[in-house]
Amino acid sequence: MAALGLAAMPWSPLARGKLTRAWDAETTRSGTDEMQGGLYDESSDKAIVEAVAAIADARGVSRAQVALAWVMKNPVVVAPLVGMTKPHHLTDAVAALDLELTEDEITRLESPYSPRAHLMSQM
């Protein structure tokens, strides 16, 4: 995208909350959001959620801060679209601006990812 002079505004940079809590955590959203079923792949995405958690624990910051810092480290990202329903969501988003991930942390977050077919047809 950068080579084409394009920017990105990532939709759901916290993966509908999946990156902010344990993989198997039950929430109102996880029980009612019909979209979640086809969006996430346990074989690769669970490892990413676990990496976010490990880095957040080691750094003493929230998982949301790690996930947003990861998204924002990409130079084509101009603004992640973050839905905020609680005051601490704004606090986490602002704090993520100052969180610099190391190359090792970035590798730990990105290495489990497995590209897959476009999911837009499921929407």
PDB file of N, CA and C in Angstrom:
ATOM      1  N   MET A   1       0.803  -1.183   0.000  1.00  0.00           N
ATOM      2  CA  MET A   1       0.000   0.000   0.000  1.00  0.00           C
ATOM      3  C   MET A   1       0.856   1.261   0.000  1.00  0.00           C
ATOM      4  N   ALA A   2       1.923   1.239   0.780  1.00  0.00           N
ATOM      5  CA  ALA A   2       2.779   2.427   0.855  1.00  0.00           C
ATOM      6  C   ALA A   2       3.359   2.771  -0.505  1.00  0.00           C
ATOM      7  N   ALA A   3       3.736   1.754  -1.268  1.00  0.00           N
ATOM      8  CA  ALA A   3       4.309   1.986  -2.590  1.00  0.00           C
ATOM      9  C   ALA A   3       3.321   2.669  -3.528  1.00  0.00           C
ATOM     10  N   LEU A   4       2.039   2.508  -3.263  1.00  0.00           N
ATOM     11  CA  LEU A   4       1.004   3.124  -4.085  1.00  0.00           C
ATOM     12  C   LEU A   4       0.542   4.474  -3.521  1.00  0.00           C
ATOM     13  N   GLY A   5       1.115   4.866  -2.375  1.00  0.00           N
ATOM     14  CA  GLY A   5       0.721   6.118  -1.743  1.00  0.00           C
ATOM     15  C   GLY A   5      -0.627   6.040  -1.054  1.00  0.00           C
ATOM     16  N   LEU A   6      -1.026   4.830  -0.669  1.00  0.00           N
ATOM     17  CA  LEU A   6      -2.310   4.636  -0.013  1.00  0.00           C
ATOM     18  C   LEU A   6      -2.143   4.543   1.496  1.00  0.00           C
ATOM     19  N   ALA A   7      -3.188   4.921   2.204  1.00  0.00           N
ATOM     20  CA  ALA A   7      -3.207   4.811   3.654  1.00  0.00           C
ATOM     21  C   ALA A   7      -4.286   3.813   4.055  1.00  0.00           C
ATOM     22  N   ALA A   8      -4.275   3.418   5.316  1.00  0.00           N
ATOM     23  CA  ALA A   8      -5.258   2.459   5.809  1.00  0.00           C
ATOM     24  C   ALA A   8      -5.862   2.946   7.114  1.00  0.00           C
ATOM     25  N   MET A   9      -7.151   2.653   7.273  1.00  0.00           N
ATOM     26  CA  MET A   9      -7.854   2.880   8.529  1.00  0.00           C
ATOM     27  C   MET A   9      -8.411   1.523   8.957  1.00  0.00           C
ATOM     28  N   PRO A  10      -7.629   0.749   9.728  1.00  0.00           N
ATOM     29  CA  PRO A  10      -8.053  -0.609  10.085  1.00  0.00           C
ATOM     30  C   PRO A  10      -9.386  -0.635  10.832  1.00  0.00           C
ATOM     31  N   TRP A  11     -10.255  -1.494  10.342  1.00  0.00           N
ATOM     32  CA  TRP A  11     -11.539  -1.746  10.966  1.00  0.00           C
ATOM     33  C   TRP A  11     -11.332  -2.811  12.039  1.00  0.00           C
ATOM     34  N   SER A  12     -11.839  -2.580  13.215  1.00  0.00           N
ATOM     35  CA  SER A  12     -11.764  -3.519  14.333  1.00  0.00           C
ATOM     36  C   SER A  12     -10.327  -3.920  14.691  1.00  0.00           C
ATOM     37  N   PRO A  13      -9.475  -2.936  15.031  1.00  0.00           N
ATOM     38  CA  PRO A  13      -8.081  -3.260  15.358  1.00  0.00           C
ATOM     39  C   PRO A  13      -7.919  -4.107  16.614  1.00  0.00           C
ATOM     40  N   LEU A  14      -8.973  -4.207  17.424  1.00  0.00           N
ATOM     41  CA  LEU A  14      -8.919  -5.072  18.603  1.00  0.00           C
ATOM     42  C   LEU A  14      -9.646  -6.391  18.357  1.00  0.00           C
ATOM     43  N   ALA A  15      -9.948  -6.652  17.082  1.00  0.00           N
ATOM     44  CA  ALA A  15     -10.585  -7.913  16.672  1.00  0.00           C
ATOM     45  C   ALA A  15     -11.849  -8.195  17.476  1.00  0.00           C
ATOM     46  N   ARG A  16     -12.737  -7.198  17.515  1.00  0.00           N
ATOM     47  CA  ARG A  16     -14.006  -7.336  18.225  1.00  0.00           C
ATOM     48  C   ARG A  16     -13.797  -7.732  19.688  1.00  0.00           C
ATOM     49  N   GLY A  17     -12.698  -7.279  20.263  1.00  0.00           N
ATOM     50  CA  GLY A  17     -12.389  -7.567  21.661  1.00  0.00           C
ATOM     51  C   GLY A  17     -11.591  -8.845  21.873  1.00  0.00           C
ATOM     52  N   LYS A  18     -11.396  -9.652  20.825  1.00  0.00           N
ATOM     53  CA  LYS A  18     -10.660 -10.918  20.983  1.00  0.00           C
ATOM     54  C   LYS A  18      -9.229 -10.681  21.483  1.00  0.00           C
ATOM     55  N   LEU A  19      -8.622  -9.572  21.066  1.00  0.00           N
ATOM     56  CA  LEU A  19      -7.237  -9.304  21.474  1.00  0.00           C
ATOM     57  C   LEU A  19      -7.133  -8.736  22.887  1.00  0.00           C
ATOM     58  N   THR A  20      -8.252  -8.459  23.522  1.00  0.00           N
ATOM     59  CA  THR A  20      -8.218  -7.807  24.832  1.00  0.00           C
ATOM     60  C   THR A  20      -8.513  -8.734  26.000  1.00  0.00           C
ATOM     61  N   ARG A  21      -8.756 -10.008  25.707  1.00  0.00           N
ATOM     62  CA  ARG A  21      -9.086 -10.953  26.788  1.00  0.00           C
ATOM     63  C   ARG A  21      -8.666 -12.364  26.380  1.00  0.00           C
ATOM     64  N   ALA A  22      -8.781 -13.284  27.298  1.00  0.00           N
ATOM     65  CA  ALA A  22      -8.426 -14.673  27.018  1.00  0.00           C
ATOM     66  C   ALA A  22      -9.251 -15.208  25.853  1.00  0.00           C
ATOM     67  N   TRP A  23      -8.662 -16.085  25.065  1.00  0.00           N
ATOM     68  CA  TRP A  23      -9.293 -16.624  23.859  1.00  0.00           C
ATOM     69  C   TRP A  23     -10.694 -17.168  24.135  1.00  0.00           C
ATOM     70  N   ASP A  24     -10.852 -17.910  25.219  1.00  0.00           N
ATOM     71  CA  ASP A  24     -12.124 -18.571  25.514  1.00  0.00           C
ATOM     72  C   ASP A  24     -13.054 -17.742  26.397  1.00  0.00           C
ATOM     73  N   ALA A  25     -12.719 -16.495  26.671  1.00  0.00           N
ATOM     74  CA  ALA A  25     -13.552 -15.658  27.537  1.00  0.00           C
ATOM     75  C   ALA A  25     -14.936 -15.475  26.927  1.00  0.00           C
ATOM     76  N   GLU A  26     -15.933 -15.586  27.770  1.00  0.00           N
ATOM     77  CA  GLU A  26     -17.323 -15.385  27.344  1.00  0.00           C
ATOM     78  C   GLU A  26     -17.751 -13.970  27.706  1.00  0.00           C
ATOM     79  N   THR A  27     -18.285 -13.269  26.734  1.00  0.00           N
ATOM     80  CA  THR A  27     -18.807 -11.925  26.959  1.00  0.00           C
ATOM     81  C   THR A  27     -20.186 -11.838  26.327  1.00  0.00           C
ATOM     82  N   THR A  28     -20.890 -10.767  26.623  1.00  0.00           N
ATOM     83  CA  THR A  28     -22.187 -10.559  25.972  1.00  0.00           C
ATOM     84  C   THR A  28     -21.995 -10.534  24.465  1.00  0.00           C
ATOM     85  N   ARG A  29     -20.966  -9.836  24.014  1.00  0.00           N
ATOM     86  CA  ARG A  29     -20.730  -9.737  22.575  1.00  0.00           C
ATOM     87  C   ARG A  29     -20.416 -11.101  21.963  1.00  0.00           C
ATOM     88  N   SER A  30     -19.563 -11.878  22.614  1.00  0.00           N
ATOM     89  CA  SER A  30     -19.207 -13.173  22.029  1.00  0.00           C
ATOM     90  C   SER A  30     -20.419 -14.093  21.932  1.00  0.00           C
ATOM     91  N   GLY A  31     -21.392 -13.861  22.797  1.00  0.00           N
ATOM     92  CA  GLY A  31     -22.595 -14.685  22.763  1.00  0.00           C
ATOM     93  C   GLY A  31     -23.654 -14.200  21.797  1.00  0.00           C
ATOM     94  N   THR A  32     -23.536 -12.945  21.340  1.00  0.00           N
ATOM     95  CA  THR A  32     -24.572 -12.384  20.477  1.00  0.00           C
ATOM     96  C   THR A  32     -24.073 -11.945  19.108  1.00  0.00           C
ATOM     97  N   ASP A  33     -22.773 -11.808  18.927  1.00  0.00           N
ATOM     98  CA  ASP A  33     -22.207 -11.315  17.670  1.00  0.00           C
ATOM     99  C   ASP A  33     -22.128 -12.453  16.658  1.00  0.00           C
ATOM    100  N   GLU A  34     -23.022 -12.448  15.704  1.00  0.00           N
ATOM    101  CA  GLU A  34     -23.067 -13.516  14.706  1.00  0.00           C
ATOM    102  C   GLU A  34     -21.851 -13.527  13.794  1.00  0.00           C
ATOM    103  N   MET A  35     -21.155 -12.411  13.674  1.00  0.00           N
ATOM    104  CA  MET A  35     -19.987 -12.306  12.798  1.00  0.00           C
ATOM    105  C   MET A  35     -18.760 -13.034  13.343  1.00  0.00           C
ATOM    106  N   GLN A  36     -18.621 -13.133  14.647  1.00  0.00           N
ATOM    107  CA  GLN A  36     -17.404 -13.680  15.221  1.00  0.00           C
ATOM    108  C   GLN A  36     -17.130 -15.117  14.811  1.00  0.00           C
ATOM    109  N   GLY A  37     -18.161 -15.881  14.586  1.00  0.00           N
ATOM    110  CA  GLY A  37     -17.980 -17.290  14.271  1.00  0.00           C
ATOM    111  C   GLY A  37     -17.067 -17.564  13.090  1.00  0.00           C
ATOM    112  N   GLY A  38     -17.146 -16.780  12.040  1.00  0.00           N
ATOM    113  CA  GLY A  38     -16.350 -17.048  10.856  1.00  0.00           C
ATOM    114  C   GLY A  38     -15.118 -16.185  10.697  1.00  0.00           C
ATOM    115  N   LEU A  39     -14.886 -15.280  11.637  1.00  0.00           N
ATOM    116  CA  LEU A  39     -13.771 -14.347  11.475  1.00  0.00           C
ATOM    117  C   LEU A  39     -12.442 -14.856  12.014  1.00  0.00           C
ATOM    118  N   TYR A  40     -12.477 -15.685  13.024  1.00  0.00           N
ATOM    119  CA  TYR A  40     -11.240 -16.034  13.714  1.00  0.00           C
ATOM    120  C   TYR A  40     -10.928 -17.511  13.594  1.00  0.00           C
ATOM    121  N   ASP A  41      -9.641 -17.785  13.456  1.00  0.00           N
ATOM    122  CA  ASP A  41      -9.162 -19.146  13.259  1.00  0.00           C
ATOM    123  C   ASP A  41      -8.341 -19.543  14.476  1.00  0.00           C
ATOM    124  N   GLU A  42      -8.800 -20.549  15.194  1.00  0.00           N
ATOM    125  CA  GLU A  42      -8.119 -20.947  16.424  1.00  0.00           C
ATOM    126  C   GLU A  42      -6.677 -21.363  16.185  1.00  0.00           C
ATOM    127  N   SER A  43      -6.381 -21.965  15.040  1.00  0.00           N
ATOM    128  CA  SER A  43      -5.028 -22.476  14.797  1.00  0.00           C
ATOM    129  C   SER A  43      -3.977 -21.370  14.722  1.00  0.00           C
ATOM    130  N   SER A  44      -4.343 -20.175  14.262  1.00  0.00           N
ATOM    131  CA  SER A  44      -3.351 -19.098  14.212  1.00  0.00           C
ATOM    132  C   SER A  44      -3.725 -17.922  15.103  1.00  0.00           C
ATOM    133  N   ASP A  45      -5.004 -17.572  15.158  1.00  0.00           N
ATOM    134  CA  ASP A  45      -5.407 -16.381  15.893  1.00  0.00           C
ATOM    135  C   ASP A  45      -5.284 -16.541  17.408  1.00  0.00           C
ATOM    136  N   LYS A  46      -5.507 -17.730  17.921  1.00  0.00           N
ATOM    137  CA  LYS A  46      -5.352 -17.957  19.360  1.00  0.00           C
ATOM    138  C   LYS A  46      -3.912 -17.680  19.782  1.00  0.00           C
ATOM    139  N   ALA A  47      -2.950 -18.071  18.968  1.00  0.00           N
ATOM    140  CA  ALA A  47      -1.536 -17.821  19.284  1.00  0.00           C
ATOM    141  C   ALA A  47      -1.242 -16.321  19.295  1.00  0.00           C
ATOM    142  N   ILE A  48      -1.896 -15.568  18.428  1.00  0.00           N
ATOM    143  CA  ILE A  48      -1.714 -14.115  18.418  1.00  0.00           C
ATOM    144  C   ILE A  48      -2.292 -13.523  19.692  1.00  0.00           C
ATOM    145  N   VAL A  49      -3.485 -13.944  20.098  1.00  0.00           N
ATOM    146  CA  VAL A  49      -4.106 -13.463  21.337  1.00  0.00           C
ATOM    147  C   VAL A  49      -3.191 -13.774  22.522  1.00  0.00           C
ATOM    148  N   GLU A  50      -2.607 -14.960  22.536  1.00  0.00           N
ATOM    149  CA  GLU A  50      -1.708 -15.343  23.629  1.00  0.00           C
ATOM    150  C   GLU A  50      -0.423 -14.509  23.616  1.00  0.00           C
ATOM    151  N   ALA A  51       0.089 -14.175  22.438  1.00  0.00           N
ATOM    152  CA  ALA A  51       1.279 -13.317  22.344  1.00  0.00           C
ATOM    153  C   ALA A  51       0.976 -11.912  22.840  1.00  0.00           C
ATOM    154  N   VAL A  52      -0.190 -11.383  22.473  1.00  0.00           N
ATOM    155  CA  VAL A  52      -0.594 -10.064  22.974  1.00  0.00           C
ATOM    156  C   VAL A  52      -0.636 -10.092  24.498  1.00  0.00           C
ATOM    157  N   ALA A  53      -1.230 -11.127  25.067  1.00  0.00           N
ATOM    158  CA  ALA A  53      -1.342 -11.249  26.518  1.00  0.00           C
ATOM    159  C   ALA A  53       0.030 -11.325  27.186  1.00  0.00           C
ATOM    160  N   ALA A  54       0.922 -12.126  26.631  1.00  0.00           N
ATOM    161  CA  ALA A  54       2.252 -12.294  27.224  1.00  0.00           C
ATOM    162  C   ALA A  54       3.035 -10.977  27.199  1.00  0.00           C
ATOM    163  N   ILE A  55       2.959 -10.266  26.090  1.00  0.00           N
ATOM    164  CA  ILE A  55       3.676  -8.990  25.976  1.00  0.00           C
ATOM    165  C   ILE A  55       3.065  -7.967  26.921  1.00  0.00           C
ATOM    166  N   ALA A  56       1.740  -7.915  26.990  1.00  0.00           N
ATOM    167  CA  ALA A  56       1.076  -6.977  27.900  1.00  0.00           C
ATOM    168  C   ALA A  56       1.458  -7.261  29.346  1.00  0.00           C
ATOM    169  N   ASP A  57       1.448  -8.532  29.734  1.00  0.00           N
ATOM    170  CA  ASP A  57       1.826  -8.901  31.102  1.00  0.00           C
ATOM    171  C   ASP A  57       3.271  -8.516  31.399  1.00  0.00           C
ATOM    172  N   ALA A  58       4.167  -8.797  30.468  1.00  0.00           N
ATOM    173  CA  ALA A  58       5.587  -8.479  30.670  1.00  0.00           C
ATOM    174  C   ALA A  58       5.820  -6.973  30.753  1.00  0.00           C
ATOM    175  N   ARG A  59       5.051  -6.205  30.003  1.00  0.00           N
ATOM    176  CA  ARG A  59       5.207  -4.749  29.975  1.00  0.00           C
ATOM    177  C   ARG A  59       4.412  -4.040  31.066  1.00  0.00           C
ATOM    178  N   GLY A  60       3.454  -4.746  31.683  1.00  0.00           N
ATOM    179  CA  GLY A  60       2.601  -4.115  32.685  1.00  0.00           C
ATOM    180  C   GLY A  60       1.611  -3.128  32.081  1.00  0.00           C
ATOM    181  N   VAL A  61       1.143  -3.434  30.876  1.00  0.00           N
ATOM    182  CA  VAL A  61       0.163  -2.591  30.188  1.00  0.00           C
ATOM    183  C   VAL A  61      -1.024  -3.463  29.799  1.00  0.00           C
ATOM    184  N   SER A  62      -2.073  -2.840  29.299  1.00  0.00           N
ATOM    185  CA  SER A  62      -3.249  -3.612  28.895  1.00  0.00           C
ATOM    186  C   SER A  62      -3.018  -4.287  27.549  1.00  0.00           C
ATOM    187  N   ARG A  63      -3.784  -5.318  27.302  1.00  0.00           N
ATOM    188  CA  ARG A  63      -3.725  -6.008  26.015  1.00  0.00           C
ATOM    189  C   ARG A  63      -4.138  -5.064  24.888  1.00  0.00           C
ATOM    190  N   ALA A  64      -5.110  -4.207  25.158  1.00  0.00           N
ATOM    191  CA  ALA A  64      -5.552  -3.249  24.139  1.00  0.00           C
ATOM    192  C   ALA A  64      -4.417  -2.330  23.725  1.00  0.00           C
ATOM    193  N   GLN A  65      -3.614  -1.904  24.689  1.00  0.00           N
ATOM    194  CA  GLN A  65      -2.485  -1.034  24.363  1.00  0.00           C
ATOM    195  C   GLN A  65      -1.494  -1.738  23.445  1.00  0.00           C
ATOM    196  N   VAL A  66      -1.204  -2.990  23.724  1.00  0.00           N
ATOM    197  CA  VAL A  66      -0.275  -3.750  22.880  1.00  0.00           C
ATOM    198  C   VAL A  66      -0.856  -3.917  21.481  1.00  0.00           C
ATOM    199  N   ALA A  67      -2.119  -4.320  21.393  1.00  0.00           N
ATOM    200  CA  ALA A  67      -2.738  -4.548  20.089  1.00  0.00           C
ATOM    201  C   ALA A  67      -2.779  -3.264  19.266  1.00  0.00           C
ATOM    202  N   LEU A  68      -3.142  -2.146  19.891  1.00  0.00           N
ATOM    203  CA  LEU A  68      -3.208  -0.880  19.159  1.00  0.00           C
ATOM    204  C   LEU A  68      -1.814  -0.383  18.773  1.00  0.00           C
ATOM    205  N   ALA A  69      -0.834  -0.574  19.644  1.00  0.00           N
ATOM    206  CA  ALA A  69       0.541  -0.181  19.301  1.00  0.00           C
ATOM    207  C   ALA A  69       1.036  -0.986  18.104  1.00  0.00           C
ATOM    208  N   TRP A  70       0.673  -2.251  18.048  1.00  0.00           N
ATOM    209  CA  TRP A  70       1.036  -3.135  16.938  1.00  0.00           C
ATOM    210  C   TRP A  70       0.423  -2.634  15.634  1.00  0.00           C
ATOM    211  N   VAL A  71      -0.848  -2.284  15.666  1.00  0.00           N
ATOM    212  CA  VAL A  71      -1.515  -1.768  14.467  1.00  0.00           C
ATOM    213  C   VAL A  71      -0.884  -0.449  14.031  1.00  0.00           C
ATOM    214  N   MET A  72      -0.649   0.435  14.987  1.00  0.00           N
ATOM    215  CA  MET A  72      -0.181   1.780  14.655  1.00  0.00           C
ATOM    216  C   MET A  72       1.295   1.838  14.271  1.00  0.00           C
ATOM    217  N   LYS A  73       2.038   0.761  14.493  1.00  0.00           N
ATOM    218  CA  LYS A  73       3.447   0.774  14.094  1.00  0.00           C
ATOM    219  C   LYS A  73       3.592   0.691  12.580  1.00  0.00           C
ATOM    220  N   ASN A  74       2.520   0.304  11.905  1.00  0.00           N
ATOM    221  CA  ASN A  74       2.545   0.211  10.453  1.00  0.00           C
ATOM    222  C   ASN A  74       2.442   1.617   9.863  1.00  0.00           C
ATOM    223  N   PRO A  75       3.394   2.025   9.036  1.00  0.00           N
ATOM    224  CA  PRO A  75       3.411   3.407   8.544  1.00  0.00           C
ATOM    225  C   PRO A  75       2.230   3.792   7.650  1.00  0.00           C
ATOM    226  N   VAL A  76       1.503   2.834   7.091  1.00  0.00           N
ATOM    227  CA  VAL A  76       0.359   3.198   6.256  1.00  0.00           C
ATOM    228  C   VAL A  76      -0.914   3.427   7.066  1.00  0.00           C
ATOM    229  N   VAL A  77      -0.890   3.062   8.345  1.00  0.00           N
ATOM    230  CA  VAL A  77      -2.075   3.250   9.182  1.00  0.00           C
ATOM    231  C   VAL A  77      -2.178   4.710   9.592  1.00  0.00           C
ATOM    232  N   VAL A  78      -3.286   5.335   9.225  1.00  0.00           N
ATOM    233  CA  VAL A  78      -3.501   6.730   9.597  1.00  0.00           C
ATOM    234  C   VAL A  78      -4.388   6.849  10.826  1.00  0.00           C
ATOM    235  N   ALA A  79      -5.271   5.891  11.035  1.00  0.00           N
ATOM    236  CA  ALA A  79      -6.140   5.905  12.210  1.00  0.00           C
ATOM    237  C   ALA A  79      -6.853   4.566  12.324  1.00  0.00           C
ATOM    238  N   PRO A  80      -6.638   3.843  13.426  1.00  0.00           N
ATOM    239  CA  PRO A  80      -7.422   2.625  13.629  1.00  0.00           C
ATOM    240  C   PRO A  80      -8.830   3.022  14.080  1.00  0.00           C
ATOM    241  N   LEU A  81      -9.836   2.344  13.595  1.00  0.00           N
ATOM    242  CA  LEU A  81     -11.220   2.630  13.976  1.00  0.00           C
ATOM    243  C   LEU A  81     -11.532   1.865  15.259  1.00  0.00           C
ATOM    244  N   VAL A  82     -11.453   2.569  16.375  1.00  0.00           N
ATOM    245  CA  VAL A  82     -11.634   1.956  17.680  1.00  0.00           C
ATOM    246  C   VAL A  82     -12.994   2.355  18.240  1.00  0.00           C
ATOM    247  N   GLY A  83     -13.826   1.366  18.530  1.00  0.00           N
ATOM    248  CA  GLY A  83     -15.109   1.638  19.167  1.00  0.00           C
ATOM    249  C   GLY A  83     -14.915   1.733  20.666  1.00  0.00           C
ATOM    250  N   MET A  84     -15.339   2.834  21.240  1.00  0.00           N
ATOM    251  CA  MET A  84     -15.134   3.048  22.671  1.00  0.00           C
ATOM    252  C   MET A  84     -16.475   3.132  23.380  1.00  0.00           C
ATOM    253  N   THR A  85     -16.680   2.237  24.327  1.00  0.00           N
ATOM    254  CA  THR A  85     -17.915   2.243  25.098  1.00  0.00           C
ATOM    255  C   THR A  85     -17.676   2.509  26.581  1.00  0.00           C
ATOM    256  N   LYS A  86     -16.409   2.565  26.969  1.00  0.00           N
ATOM    257  CA  LYS A  86     -16.055   2.808  28.370  1.00  0.00           C
ATOM    258  C   LYS A  86     -14.878   3.784  28.415  1.00  0.00           C
ATOM    259  N   PRO A  87     -14.778   4.594  29.464  1.00  0.00           N
ATOM    260  CA  PRO A  87     -13.687   5.575  29.546  1.00  0.00           C
ATOM    261  C   PRO A  87     -12.287   4.962  29.417  1.00  0.00           C
ATOM    262  N   HIS A  88     -12.078   3.751  29.967  1.00  0.00           N
ATOM    263  CA  HIS A  88     -10.739   3.167  29.894  1.00  0.00           C
ATOM    264  C   HIS A  88     -10.357   2.782  28.463  1.00  0.00           C
ATOM    265  N   HIS A  89     -11.323   2.639  27.574  1.00  0.00           N
ATOM    266  CA  HIS A  89     -10.997   2.367  26.163  1.00  0.00           C
ATOM    267  C   HIS A  89     -10.243   3.551  25.564  1.00  0.00           C
ATOM    268  N   LEU A  90     -10.664   4.756  25.891  1.00  0.00           N
ATOM    269  CA  LEU A  90      -9.975   5.954  25.413  1.00  0.00           C
ATOM    270  C   LEU A  90      -8.588   6.055  26.044  1.00  0.00           C
ATOM    271  N   THR A  91      -8.501   5.769  27.330  1.00  0.00           N
ATOM    272  CA  THR A  91      -7.213   5.800  28.029  1.00  0.00           C
ATOM    273  C   THR A  91      -6.226   4.827  27.383  1.00  0.00           C
ATOM    274  N   ASP A  92      -6.677   3.617  27.079  1.00  0.00           N
ATOM    275  CA  ASP A  92      -5.816   2.618  26.430  1.00  0.00           C
ATOM    276  C   ASP A  92      -5.372   3.070  25.045  1.00  0.00           C
ATOM    277  N   ALA A  93      -6.300   3.647  24.284  1.00  0.00           N
ATOM    278  CA  ALA A  93      -5.964   4.088  22.927  1.00  0.00           C
ATOM    279  C   ALA A  93      -4.906   5.186  22.955  1.00  0.00           C
ATOM    280  N   VAL A  94      -5.046   6.120  23.870  1.00  0.00           N
ATOM    281  CA  VAL A  94      -4.065   7.214  23.972  1.00  0.00           C
ATOM    282  C   VAL A  94      -2.719   6.666  24.457  1.00  0.00           C
ATOM    283  N   ALA A  95      -2.738   5.774  25.430  1.00  0.00           N
ATOM    284  CA  ALA A  95      -1.492   5.199  25.955  1.00  0.00           C
ATOM    285  C   ALA A  95      -0.755   4.389  24.889  1.00  0.00           C
ATOM    286  N   ALA A  96      -1.486   3.784  23.978  1.00  0.00           N
ATOM    287  CA  ALA A  96      -0.859   2.983  22.918  1.00  0.00           C
ATOM    288  C   ALA A  96       0.009   3.829  21.999  1.00  0.00           C
ATOM    289  N   LEU A  97      -0.275   5.117  21.917  1.00  0.00           N
ATOM    290  CA  LEU A  97       0.527   6.010  21.073  1.00  0.00           C
ATOM    291  C   LEU A  97       1.982   6.067  21.522  1.00  0.00           C
ATOM    292  N   ASP A  98       2.221   5.881  22.811  1.00  0.00           N
ATOM    293  CA  ASP A  98       3.570   5.970  23.369  1.00  0.00           C
ATOM    294  C   ASP A  98       4.242   4.614  23.565  1.00  0.00           C
ATOM    295  N   LEU A  99       3.555   3.536  23.241  1.00  0.00           N
ATOM    296  CA  LEU A  99       4.113   2.195  23.441  1.00  0.00           C
ATOM    297  C   LEU A  99       4.897   1.778  22.200  1.00  0.00           C
ATOM    298  N   GLU A 100       6.193   1.632  22.349  1.00  0.00           N
ATOM    299  CA  GLU A 100       7.068   1.196  21.245  1.00  0.00           C
ATOM    300  C   GLU A 100       7.368  -0.287  21.421  1.00  0.00           C
ATOM    301  N   LEU A 101       6.899  -1.079  20.497  1.00  0.00           N
ATOM    302  CA  LEU A 101       7.171  -2.514  20.544  1.00  0.00           C
ATOM    303  C   LEU A 101       8.558  -2.799  19.989  1.00  0.00           C
ATOM    304  N   THR A 102       9.219  -3.791  20.559  1.00  0.00           N
ATOM    305  CA  THR A 102      10.529  -4.190  20.051  1.00  0.00           C
ATOM    306  C   THR A 102      10.347  -5.059  18.806  1.00  0.00           C
ATOM    307  N   GLU A 103      11.410  -5.239  18.061  1.00  0.00           N
ATOM    308  CA  GLU A 103      11.348  -6.115  16.879  1.00  0.00           C
ATOM    309  C   GLU A 103      10.975  -7.533  17.282  1.00  0.00           C
ATOM    310  N   ASP A 104      11.494  -7.994  18.424  1.00  0.00           N
ATOM    311  CA  ASP A 104      11.165  -9.329  18.909  1.00  0.00           C
ATOM    312  C   ASP A 104       9.673  -9.438  19.218  1.00  0.00           C
ATOM    313  N   GLU A 105       9.120  -8.421  19.860  1.00  0.00           N
ATOM    314  CA  GLU A 105       7.690  -8.441  20.174  1.00  0.00           C
ATOM    315  C   GLU A 105       6.852  -8.440  18.897  1.00  0.00           C
ATOM    316  N   ILE A 106       7.239  -7.644  17.931  1.00  0.00           N
ATOM    317  CA  ILE A 106       6.517  -7.603  16.664  1.00  0.00           C
ATOM    318  C   ILE A 106       6.556  -8.970  15.980  1.00  0.00           C
ATOM    319  N   THR A 107       7.705  -9.608  16.000  1.00  0.00           N
ATOM    320  CA  THR A 107       7.829 -10.949  15.422  1.00  0.00           C
ATOM    321  C   THR A 107       6.926 -11.931  16.151  1.00  0.00           C
ATOM    322  N   ARG A 108       6.887 -11.843  17.478  1.00  0.00           N
ATOM    323  CA  ARG A 108       6.027 -12.738  18.259  1.00  0.00           C
ATOM    324  C   ARG A 108       4.551 -12.534  17.930  1.00  0.00           C
ATOM    325  N   LEU A 109       4.170 -11.308  17.623  1.00  0.00           N
ATOM    326  CA  LEU A 109       2.782 -11.014  17.275  1.00  0.00           C
ATOM    327  C   LEU A 109       2.436 -11.438  15.852  1.00  0.00           C
ATOM    328  N   GLU A 110       3.377 -11.288  14.942  1.00  0.00           N
ATOM    329  CA  GLU A 110       3.088 -11.519  13.524  1.00  0.00           C
ATOM    330  C   GLU A 110       3.362 -12.942  13.043  1.00  0.00           C
ATOM    331  N   SER A 111       4.287 -13.644  13.669  1.00  0.00           N
ATOM    332  CA  SER A 111       4.670 -14.958  13.145  1.00  0.00           C
ATOM    333  C   SER A 111       3.544 -15.996  13.157  1.00  0.00           C
ATOM    334  N   PRO A 112       2.607 -15.982  14.101  1.00  0.00           N
ATOM    335  CA  PRO A 112       1.552 -17.004  14.045  1.00  0.00           C
ATOM    336  C   PRO A 112       0.506 -16.767  12.962  1.00  0.00           C
ATOM    337  N   TYR A 113       0.473 -15.567  12.397  1.00  0.00           N
ATOM    338  CA  TYR A 113      -0.588 -15.225  11.438  1.00  0.00           C
ATOM    339  C   TYR A 113      -0.531 -16.112  10.200  1.00  0.00           C
ATOM    340  N   SER A 114      -1.704 -16.535   9.774  1.00  0.00           N
ATOM    341  CA  SER A 114      -1.826 -17.351   8.576  1.00  0.00           C
ATOM    342  C   SER A 114      -2.846 -16.687   7.655  1.00  0.00           C
ATOM    343  N   PRO A 115      -2.415 -16.231   6.468  1.00  0.00           N
ATOM    344  CA  PRO A 115      -3.374 -15.620   5.538  1.00  0.00           C
ATOM    345  C   PRO A 115      -4.472 -16.618   5.168  1.00  0.00           C
ATOM    346  N   ARG A 116      -5.655 -16.100   4.939  1.00  0.00           N
ATOM    347  CA  ARG A 116      -6.768 -16.967   4.550  1.00  0.00           C
ATOM    348  C   ARG A 116      -7.677 -16.245   3.560  1.00  0.00           C
ATOM    349  N   ALA A 117      -8.623 -16.962   3.053  1.00  0.00           N
ATOM    350  CA  ALA A 117      -9.524 -16.414   2.038  1.00  0.00           C
ATOM    351  C   ALA A 117     -10.246 -15.189   2.574  1.00  0.00           C
ATOM    352  N   HIS A 118     -10.550 -14.302   1.680  1.00  0.00           N
ATOM    353  CA  HIS A 118     -11.256 -13.083   2.018  1.00  0.00           C
ATOM    354  C   HIS A 118     -12.598 -13.423   2.669  1.00  0.00           C
ATOM    355  N   LEU A 119     -12.916 -12.746   3.769  1.00  0.00           N
ATOM    356  CA  LEU A 119     -14.121 -13.074   4.529  1.00  0.00           C
ATOM    357  C   LEU A 119     -15.315 -12.193   4.189  1.00  0.00           C
ATOM    358  N   MET A 120     -15.157 -11.250   3.303  1.00  0.00           N
ATOM    359  CA  MET A 120     -16.253 -10.330   3.015  1.00  0.00           C
ATOM    360  C   MET A 120     -17.502 -11.034   2.519  1.00  0.00           C
ATOM    361  N   SER A 121     -17.369 -12.159   1.875  1.00  0.00           N
ATOM    362  CA  SER A 121     -18.548 -12.870   1.366  1.00  0.00           C
ATOM    363  C   SER A 121     -19.430 -13.376   2.505  1.00  0.00           C
ATOM    364  N   GLN A 122     -18.873 -13.475   3.722  1.00  0.00           N
ATOM    365  CA  GLN A 122     -19.642 -13.949   4.867  1.00  0.00           C
ATOM    366  C   GLN A 122     -20.430 -12.833   5.535  1.00  0.00           C
ATOM    367  N   MET A 123     -20.153 -11.591   5.178  1.00  0.00           N
ATOM    368  CA  MET A 123     -20.816 -10.468   5.847  1.00  0.00           C
ATOM    369  C   MET A 123     -22.201 -10.239   5.322  1.00  0.00           C
TER     370      MET A 123
END
